[in-house]
Amino acid sequence: MSVLEIKGSRRNLRRSVGLGVASIILGGIALSTILSSSAGSTVLVGWLLVLSGIAETVHAFRIRRSDGFLFHLIPGVAAVPIGLLTATHPAAGAVTWMLLFATFFTVVGLFRAISAFYLKFPNWGWTVFDGIAMLVMGSVMWAAWVWLLPWFLGFAVGVSLILRGWSSIMFAQGLRRANRQHREYRQLEPQRKPTKGFARG
């Protein structure tokens, strides 16, 4: 990470932690829906996905000058319409939403895992784990959706939001550690400068 990136990251520490905490809270609410099989639980999961998508999109524009802009923008923008469709059309049936969510989880999980591996930002391994978990849950939806209806929607959304929130918090921790190492390096830098020798007459 360059000096310029470290300086810019100081402004994003609290934002990343805030996004992480909000995602974990939304994920916990989503997990509570697995005890209900009513259409209302599907509507709630849809609105939770909308809120998480809006939060991540807003966060993306706050860091639009960094490499993480598209990393947050694409999943955030993708989540909003899928959440709206789910929340406003629950009568479409759980099978429809399971297949739609299977596509969403597969694409976004693959995108997050590959992007994290490519960017290698602080503590990127947690985001790779988050992406792989989404990819696995998407694959499970494709393969076994008949036996998973309807509770698995809330479970998958809840787990993915919690993992995403945790990876965001761990990213902030990595930035804080990078900032501390940078400050220590700057303090030691004057001591490393060579002393000027005497010129001969």
C-alpha atoms as a PDB file:
ATOM      1  CA  MET A   1       0.000   0.000   0.000  1.00  0.00           C
ATOM      2  CA  SER A   2       1.373   3.392  -0.993  1.00  0.00           C
ATOM      3  CA  VAL A   3       1.755   6.406   1.284  1.00  0.00           C
ATOM      4  CA  LEU A   4      -1.076   8.194  -0.526  1.00  0.00           C
ATOM      5  CA  GLU A   5      -3.416   5.219  -0.076  1.00  0.00           C
ATOM      6  CA  ILE A   6      -2.597   5.032   3.649  1.00  0.00           C
ATOM      7  CA  LYS A   7      -3.309   8.716   4.160  1.00  0.00           C
ATOM      8  CA  GLY A   8      -6.605   8.410   2.309  1.00  0.00           C
ATOM      9  CA  SER A   9      -7.557   5.280   4.247  1.00  0.00           C
ATOM     10  CA  ARG A  10      -7.635   7.181   7.539  1.00  0.00           C
ATOM     11  CA  ARG A  11     -10.880   8.854   6.468  1.00  0.00           C
ATOM     12  CA  ASN A  12     -12.466   5.492   5.647  1.00  0.00           C
ATOM     13  CA  LEU A  13     -11.825   3.634   8.902  1.00  0.00           C
ATOM     14  CA  ARG A  14     -15.037   4.689  10.626  1.00  0.00           C
ATOM     15  CA  ARG A  15     -17.018   4.308   7.411  1.00  0.00           C
ATOM     16  CA  SER A  16     -15.868   0.720   6.974  1.00  0.00           C
ATOM     17  CA  VAL A  17     -16.622  -0.109  10.594  1.00  0.00           C
ATOM     18  CA  GLY A  18     -20.043   1.548  10.310  1.00  0.00           C
ATOM     19  CA  LEU A  19     -20.853  -0.427   7.171  1.00  0.00           C
ATOM     20  CA  GLY A  20     -19.713  -3.611   8.885  1.00  0.00           C
ATOM     21  CA  VAL A  21     -21.810  -3.076  12.008  1.00  0.00           C
ATOM     22  CA  ALA A  22     -24.889  -2.189   9.940  1.00  0.00           C
ATOM     23  CA  SER A  23     -24.459  -5.301   7.789  1.00  0.00           C
ATOM     24  CA  ILE A  24     -24.127  -7.552  10.830  1.00  0.00           C
ATOM     25  CA  ILE A  25     -27.300  -6.085  12.373  1.00  0.00           C
ATOM     26  CA  LEU A  26     -29.237  -6.554   9.133  1.00  0.00           C
ATOM     27  CA  GLY A  27     -27.861 -10.086   8.863  1.00  0.00           C
ATOM     28  CA  GLY A  28     -29.041 -10.917  12.369  1.00  0.00           C
ATOM     29  CA  ILE A  29     -32.544  -9.708  11.523  1.00  0.00           C
ATOM     30  CA  ALA A  30     -32.520 -11.794   8.341  1.00  0.00           C
ATOM     31  CA  LEU A  31     -31.559 -14.908  10.304  1.00  0.00           C
ATOM     32  CA  SER A  32     -34.583 -14.408  12.549  1.00  0.00           C
ATOM     33  CA  THR A  33     -36.863 -15.009   9.546  1.00  0.00           C
ATOM     34  CA  ILE A  34     -35.865 -18.672   9.217  1.00  0.00           C
ATOM     35  CA  LEU A  35     -38.383 -19.511  11.956  1.00  0.00           C
ATOM     36  CA  SER A  36     -41.251 -18.232   9.811  1.00  0.00           C
ATOM     37  CA  SER A  37     -42.551 -19.588   6.507  1.00  0.00           C
ATOM     38  CA  SER A  38     -44.983 -16.778   5.779  1.00  0.00           C
ATOM     39  CA  ALA A  39     -44.845 -14.369   2.856  1.00  0.00           C
ATOM     40  CA  GLY A  40     -44.054 -11.611   5.334  1.00  0.00           C
ATOM     41  CA  SER A  41     -40.631 -13.135   6.022  1.00  0.00           C
ATOM     42  CA  THR A  42     -39.830 -13.052   2.294  1.00  0.00           C
ATOM     43  CA  VAL A  43     -40.866  -9.390   2.162  1.00  0.00           C
ATOM     44  CA  LEU A  44     -38.651  -8.609   5.154  1.00  0.00           C
ATOM     45  CA  VAL A  45     -35.658 -10.367   3.574  1.00  0.00           C
ATOM     46  CA  GLY A  46     -36.224  -8.321   0.420  1.00  0.00           C
ATOM     47  CA  TRP A  47     -36.220  -5.009   2.283  1.00  0.00           C
ATOM     48  CA  LEU A  48     -33.140  -6.016   4.257  1.00  0.00           C
ATOM     49  CA  LEU A  49     -31.363  -6.690   0.974  1.00  0.00           C
ATOM     50  CA  VAL A  50     -32.459  -3.275  -0.305  1.00  0.00           C
ATOM     51  CA  LEU A  51     -31.112  -1.538   2.799  1.00  0.00           C
ATOM     52  CA  SER A  52     -27.796  -3.369   2.614  1.00  0.00           C
ATOM     53  CA  GLY A  53     -27.490  -2.541  -1.076  1.00  0.00           C
ATOM     54  CA  ILE A  54     -28.166   1.149  -0.474  1.00  0.00           C
ATOM     55  CA  ALA A  55     -25.659   1.239   2.398  1.00  0.00           C
ATOM     56  CA  GLU A  56     -22.947  -0.375   0.295  1.00  0.00           C
ATOM     57  CA  THR A  57     -23.667   1.880  -2.688  1.00  0.00           C
ATOM     58  CA  VAL A  58     -23.427   4.999  -0.510  1.00  0.00           C
ATOM     59  CA  HIS A  59     -20.166   3.677   0.932  1.00  0.00           C
ATOM     60  CA  ALA A  60     -18.858   3.117  -2.605  1.00  0.00           C
ATOM     61  CA  PHE A  61     -19.424   6.749  -3.549  1.00  0.00           C
ATOM     62  CA  ARG A  62     -17.751   7.903  -0.351  1.00  0.00           C
ATOM     63  CA  ILE A  63     -14.587   6.079  -1.409  1.00  0.00           C
ATOM     64  CA  ARG A  64     -15.036   6.677  -5.148  1.00  0.00           C
ATOM     65  CA  ARG A  65     -11.405   7.755  -5.587  1.00  0.00           C
ATOM     66  CA  SER A  66     -10.064   4.446  -4.309  1.00  0.00           C
ATOM     67  CA  ASP A  67      -9.737   1.003  -5.867  1.00  0.00           C
ATOM     68  CA  GLY A  68     -12.660  -0.172  -3.740  1.00  0.00           C
ATOM     69  CA  PHE A  69     -15.237   1.925  -5.617  1.00  0.00           C
ATOM     70  CA  LEU A  70     -16.419  -0.744  -8.067  1.00  0.00           C
ATOM     71  CA  PHE A  71     -15.810  -3.453  -5.469  1.00  0.00           C
ATOM     72  CA  HIS A  72     -18.628  -1.982  -3.349  1.00  0.00           C
ATOM     73  CA  LEU A  73     -20.707  -0.370  -6.097  1.00  0.00           C
ATOM     74  CA  ILE A  74     -21.455  -3.467  -8.191  1.00  0.00           C
ATOM     75  CA  PRO A  75     -22.769  -5.701  -5.341  1.00  0.00           C
ATOM     76  CA  GLY A  76     -24.680  -2.760  -3.853  1.00  0.00           C
ATOM     77  CA  VAL A  77     -26.380  -1.826  -7.102  1.00  0.00           C
ATOM     78  CA  ALA A  78     -27.165  -5.476  -7.852  1.00  0.00           C
ATOM     79  CA  ALA A  79     -28.791  -6.030  -4.445  1.00  0.00           C
ATOM     80  CA  VAL A  80     -31.274  -3.141  -4.649  1.00  0.00           C
ATOM     81  CA  PRO A  81     -33.463  -4.284  -7.600  1.00  0.00           C
ATOM     82  CA  ILE A  82     -33.462  -7.915  -6.462  1.00  0.00           C
ATOM     83  CA  GLY A  83     -34.502  -6.863  -2.975  1.00  0.00           C
ATOM     84  CA  LEU A  84     -37.223  -4.580  -4.354  1.00  0.00           C
ATOM     85  CA  LEU A  85     -38.617  -7.334  -6.573  1.00  0.00           C
ATOM     86  CA  THR A  86     -38.681  -9.739  -3.651  1.00  0.00           C
ATOM     87  CA  ALA A  87     -40.299  -7.244  -1.285  1.00  0.00           C
ATOM     88  CA  THR A  88     -42.950  -5.967  -3.692  1.00  0.00           C
ATOM     89  CA  HIS A  89     -43.865  -9.257  -5.413  1.00  0.00           C
ATOM     90  CA  PRO A  90     -43.882 -11.965  -2.717  1.00  0.00           C
ATOM     91  CA  ALA A  91     -46.729 -13.761  -4.504  1.00  0.00           C
ATOM     92  CA  ALA A  92     -44.355 -14.743  -7.299  1.00  0.00           C
ATOM     93  CA  GLY A  93     -43.450 -17.758  -5.208  1.00  0.00           C
ATOM     94  CA  ALA A  94     -40.498 -18.968  -3.214  1.00  0.00           C
ATOM     95  CA  VAL A  95     -39.183 -21.046  -6.113  1.00  0.00           C
ATOM     96  CA  THR A  96     -38.833 -17.940  -8.268  1.00  0.00           C
ATOM     97  CA  TRP A  97     -36.979 -16.071  -5.563  1.00  0.00           C
ATOM     98  CA  MET A  98     -34.751 -19.025  -4.783  1.00  0.00           C
ATOM     99  CA  LEU A  99     -33.578 -19.201  -8.403  1.00  0.00           C
ATOM    100  CA  LEU A 100     -33.147 -15.423  -8.562  1.00  0.00           C
ATOM    101  CA  PHE A 101     -31.128 -15.411  -5.344  1.00  0.00           C
ATOM    102  CA  ALA A 102     -29.078 -18.364  -6.594  1.00  0.00           C
ATOM    103  CA  THR A 103     -28.003 -16.258  -9.574  1.00  0.00           C
ATOM    104  CA  PHE A 104     -27.290 -13.232  -7.366  1.00  0.00           C
ATOM    105  CA  PHE A 105     -25.234 -15.191  -4.836  1.00  0.00           C
ATOM    106  CA  THR A 106     -23.248 -16.991  -7.515  1.00  0.00           C
ATOM    107  CA  VAL A 107     -22.350 -13.865  -9.481  1.00  0.00           C
ATOM    108  CA  VAL A 108     -21.672 -11.567  -6.510  1.00  0.00           C
ATOM    109  CA  GLY A 109     -19.789 -14.242  -4.555  1.00  0.00           C
ATOM    110  CA  LEU A 110     -17.525 -14.942  -7.507  1.00  0.00           C
ATOM    111  CA  PHE A 111     -17.000 -11.218  -8.080  1.00  0.00           C
ATOM    112  CA  ARG A 112     -16.098 -10.491  -4.447  1.00  0.00           C
ATOM    113  CA  ALA A 113     -13.708 -13.436  -4.163  1.00  0.00           C
ATOM    114  CA  ILE A 114     -11.844 -12.658  -7.391  1.00  0.00           C
ATOM    115  CA  SER A 115     -11.744  -8.907  -6.721  1.00  0.00           C
ATOM    116  CA  ALA A 116     -10.393  -9.374  -3.190  1.00  0.00           C
ATOM    117  CA  PHE A 117      -7.707 -11.751  -4.444  1.00  0.00           C
ATOM    118  CA  TYR A 118      -6.739  -9.266  -7.175  1.00  0.00           C
ATOM    119  CA  LEU A 119      -6.749  -6.090  -5.026  1.00  0.00           C
ATOM    120  CA  LYS A 120      -5.185  -7.729  -1.940  1.00  0.00           C
ATOM    121  CA  PHE A 121      -6.270  -4.968   0.418  1.00  0.00           C
ATOM    122  CA  PRO A 122      -5.656  -5.343   4.190  1.00  0.00           C
ATOM    123  CA  ASN A 123      -7.132  -8.582   5.567  1.00  0.00           C
ATOM    124  CA  TRP A 124      -8.422  -9.501   2.110  1.00  0.00           C
ATOM    125  CA  GLY A 125      -8.635 -13.161   3.082  1.00  0.00           C
ATOM    126  CA  TRP A 126     -11.837 -12.520   5.034  1.00  0.00           C
ATOM    127  CA  THR A 127     -13.485 -11.082   1.930  1.00  0.00           C
ATOM    128  CA  VAL A 128     -12.361 -14.060  -0.136  1.00  0.00           C
ATOM    129  CA  PHE A 129     -13.957 -16.313   2.488  1.00  0.00           C
ATOM    130  CA  ASP A 130     -17.138 -14.201   2.307  1.00  0.00           C
ATOM    131  CA  GLY A 131     -17.217 -14.521  -1.482  1.00  0.00           C
ATOM    132  CA  ILE A 132     -16.612 -18.279  -1.397  1.00  0.00           C
ATOM    133  CA  ALA A 133     -19.385 -18.694   1.190  1.00  0.00           C
ATOM    134  CA  MET A 134     -21.793 -16.799  -1.079  1.00  0.00           C
ATOM    135  CA  LEU A 135     -20.712 -18.929  -4.037  1.00  0.00           C
ATOM    136  CA  VAL A 136     -21.306 -22.129  -2.061  1.00  0.00           C
ATOM    137  CA  MET A 137     -24.756 -21.011  -0.907  1.00  0.00           C
ATOM    138  CA  GLY A 138     -25.624 -20.010  -4.463  1.00  0.00           C
ATOM    139  CA  SER A 139     -24.550 -23.453  -5.679  1.00  0.00           C
ATOM    140  CA  VAL A 140     -26.659 -25.102  -2.969  1.00  0.00           C
ATOM    141  CA  MET A 141     -29.671 -23.074  -4.111  1.00  0.00           C
ATOM    142  CA  TRP A 142     -29.184 -24.252  -7.680  1.00  0.00           C
ATOM    143  CA  ALA A 143     -28.744 -27.898  -6.700  1.00  0.00           C
ATOM    144  CA  ALA A 144     -31.223 -28.411  -3.857  1.00  0.00           C
ATOM    145  CA  TRP A 145     -33.786 -25.597  -3.984  1.00  0.00           C
ATOM    146  CA  VAL A 146     -36.709 -28.053  -3.703  1.00  0.00           C
ATOM    147  CA  TRP A 147     -35.691 -29.117  -0.192  1.00  0.00           C
ATOM    148  CA  LEU A 148     -34.586 -25.709   1.032  1.00  0.00           C
ATOM    149  CA  LEU A 149     -37.787 -23.710   0.620  1.00  0.00           C
ATOM    150  CA  PRO A 150     -38.592 -21.308   2.147  1.00  0.00           C
ATOM    151  CA  TRP A 151     -36.309 -20.854   5.156  1.00  0.00           C
ATOM    152  CA  PHE A 152     -33.025 -20.926   3.261  1.00  0.00           C
ATOM    153  CA  LEU A 153     -33.528 -17.450   1.760  1.00  0.00           C
ATOM    154  CA  GLY A 154     -33.377 -15.768   5.155  1.00  0.00           C
ATOM    155  CA  PHE A 155     -30.502 -18.006   6.241  1.00  0.00           C
ATOM    156  CA  ALA A 156     -28.410 -17.284   3.135  1.00  0.00           C
ATOM    157  CA  VAL A 157     -29.008 -13.531   3.207  1.00  0.00           C
ATOM    158  CA  GLY A 158     -28.345 -13.387   6.948  1.00  0.00           C
ATOM    159  CA  VAL A 159     -25.087 -15.329   6.787  1.00  0.00           C
ATOM    160  CA  SER A 160     -23.827 -13.370   3.783  1.00  0.00           C
ATOM    161  CA  LEU A 161     -24.563 -10.006   5.441  1.00  0.00           C
ATOM    162  CA  ILE A 162     -22.865 -11.055   8.672  1.00  0.00           C
ATOM    163  CA  LEU A 163     -19.774 -12.280   6.803  1.00  0.00           C
ATOM    164  CA  ARG A 164     -19.714  -9.131   4.703  1.00  0.00           C
ATOM    165  CA  GLY A 165     -19.967  -6.989   7.828  1.00  0.00           C
ATOM    166  CA  TRP A 166     -17.183  -8.902   9.558  1.00  0.00           C
ATOM    167  CA  SER A 167     -14.903  -8.645   6.512  1.00  0.00           C
ATOM    168  CA  SER A 168     -15.536  -4.882   6.415  1.00  0.00           C
ATOM    169  CA  ILE A 169     -14.596  -4.536  10.087  1.00  0.00           C
ATOM    170  CA  MET A 170     -11.472  -6.648   9.592  1.00  0.00           C
ATOM    171  CA  PHE A 171     -10.565  -4.468   6.607  1.00  0.00           C
ATOM    172  CA  ALA A 172     -10.766  -1.405   8.860  1.00  0.00           C
ATOM    173  CA  GLN A 173      -8.558  -3.140  11.404  1.00  0.00           C
ATOM    174  CA  GLY A 174      -6.019  -3.840   8.673  1.00  0.00           C
ATOM    175  CA  LEU A 175      -6.054  -0.183   7.636  1.00  0.00           C
ATOM    176  CA  ARG A 176      -5.504   0.892  11.225  1.00  0.00           C
ATOM    177  CA  ARG A 177      -2.508  -1.419  11.493  1.00  0.00           C
ATOM    178  CA  ALA A 178      -1.129  -0.102   8.194  1.00  0.00           C
ATOM    179  CA  ASN A 179      -1.519   3.473   9.441  1.00  0.00           C
ATOM    180  CA  ARG A 180       0.350   2.646  12.637  1.00  0.00           C
ATOM    181  CA  GLN A 181       3.189   1.004  10.718  1.00  0.00           C
ATOM    182  CA  HIS A 182       3.370   3.996   8.398  1.00  0.00           C
ATOM    183  CA  ARG A 183       3.637   6.414  11.327  1.00  0.00           C
ATOM    184  CA  GLU A 184       6.401   4.301  12.879  1.00  0.00           C
ATOM    185  CA  TYR A 185       8.249   4.270   9.565  1.00  0.00           C
ATOM    186  CA  ARG A 186       8.006   8.044   9.239  1.00  0.00           C
ATOM    187  CA  GLN A 187       9.376   8.478  12.750  1.00  0.00           C
ATOM    188  CA  LEU A 188      12.367   6.249  11.992  1.00  0.00           C
ATOM    189  CA  GLU A 189      13.006   7.733   8.552  1.00  0.00           C
ATOM    190  CA  PRO A 190      15.141  10.728   9.730  1.00  0.00           C
ATOM    191  CA  GLN A 191      17.424   8.329  11.613  1.00  0.00           C
ATOM    192  CA  ARG A 192      18.101   6.404   8.402  1.00  0.00           C
ATOM    193  CA  LYS A 193      19.354   9.426   6.442  1.00  0.00           C
ATOM    194  CA  PRO A 194      23.165   9.229   5.864  1.00  0.00           C
ATOM    195  CA  THR A 195      25.357  11.898   7.410  1.00  0.00           C
ATOM    196  CA  LYS A 196      27.303  14.172   5.112  1.00  0.00           C
ATOM    197  CA  GLY A 197      31.072  13.633   5.032  1.00  0.00           C
ATOM    198  CA  PHE A 198      33.809  16.279   5.061  1.00  0.00           C
ATOM    199  CA  ALA A 199      35.043  17.470   1.681  1.00  0.00           C
ATOM    200  CA  ARG A 200      38.767  17.516   1.103  1.00  0.00           C
ATOM    201  CA  GLY A 201      40.477  20.856   0.360  1.00  0.00           C
END
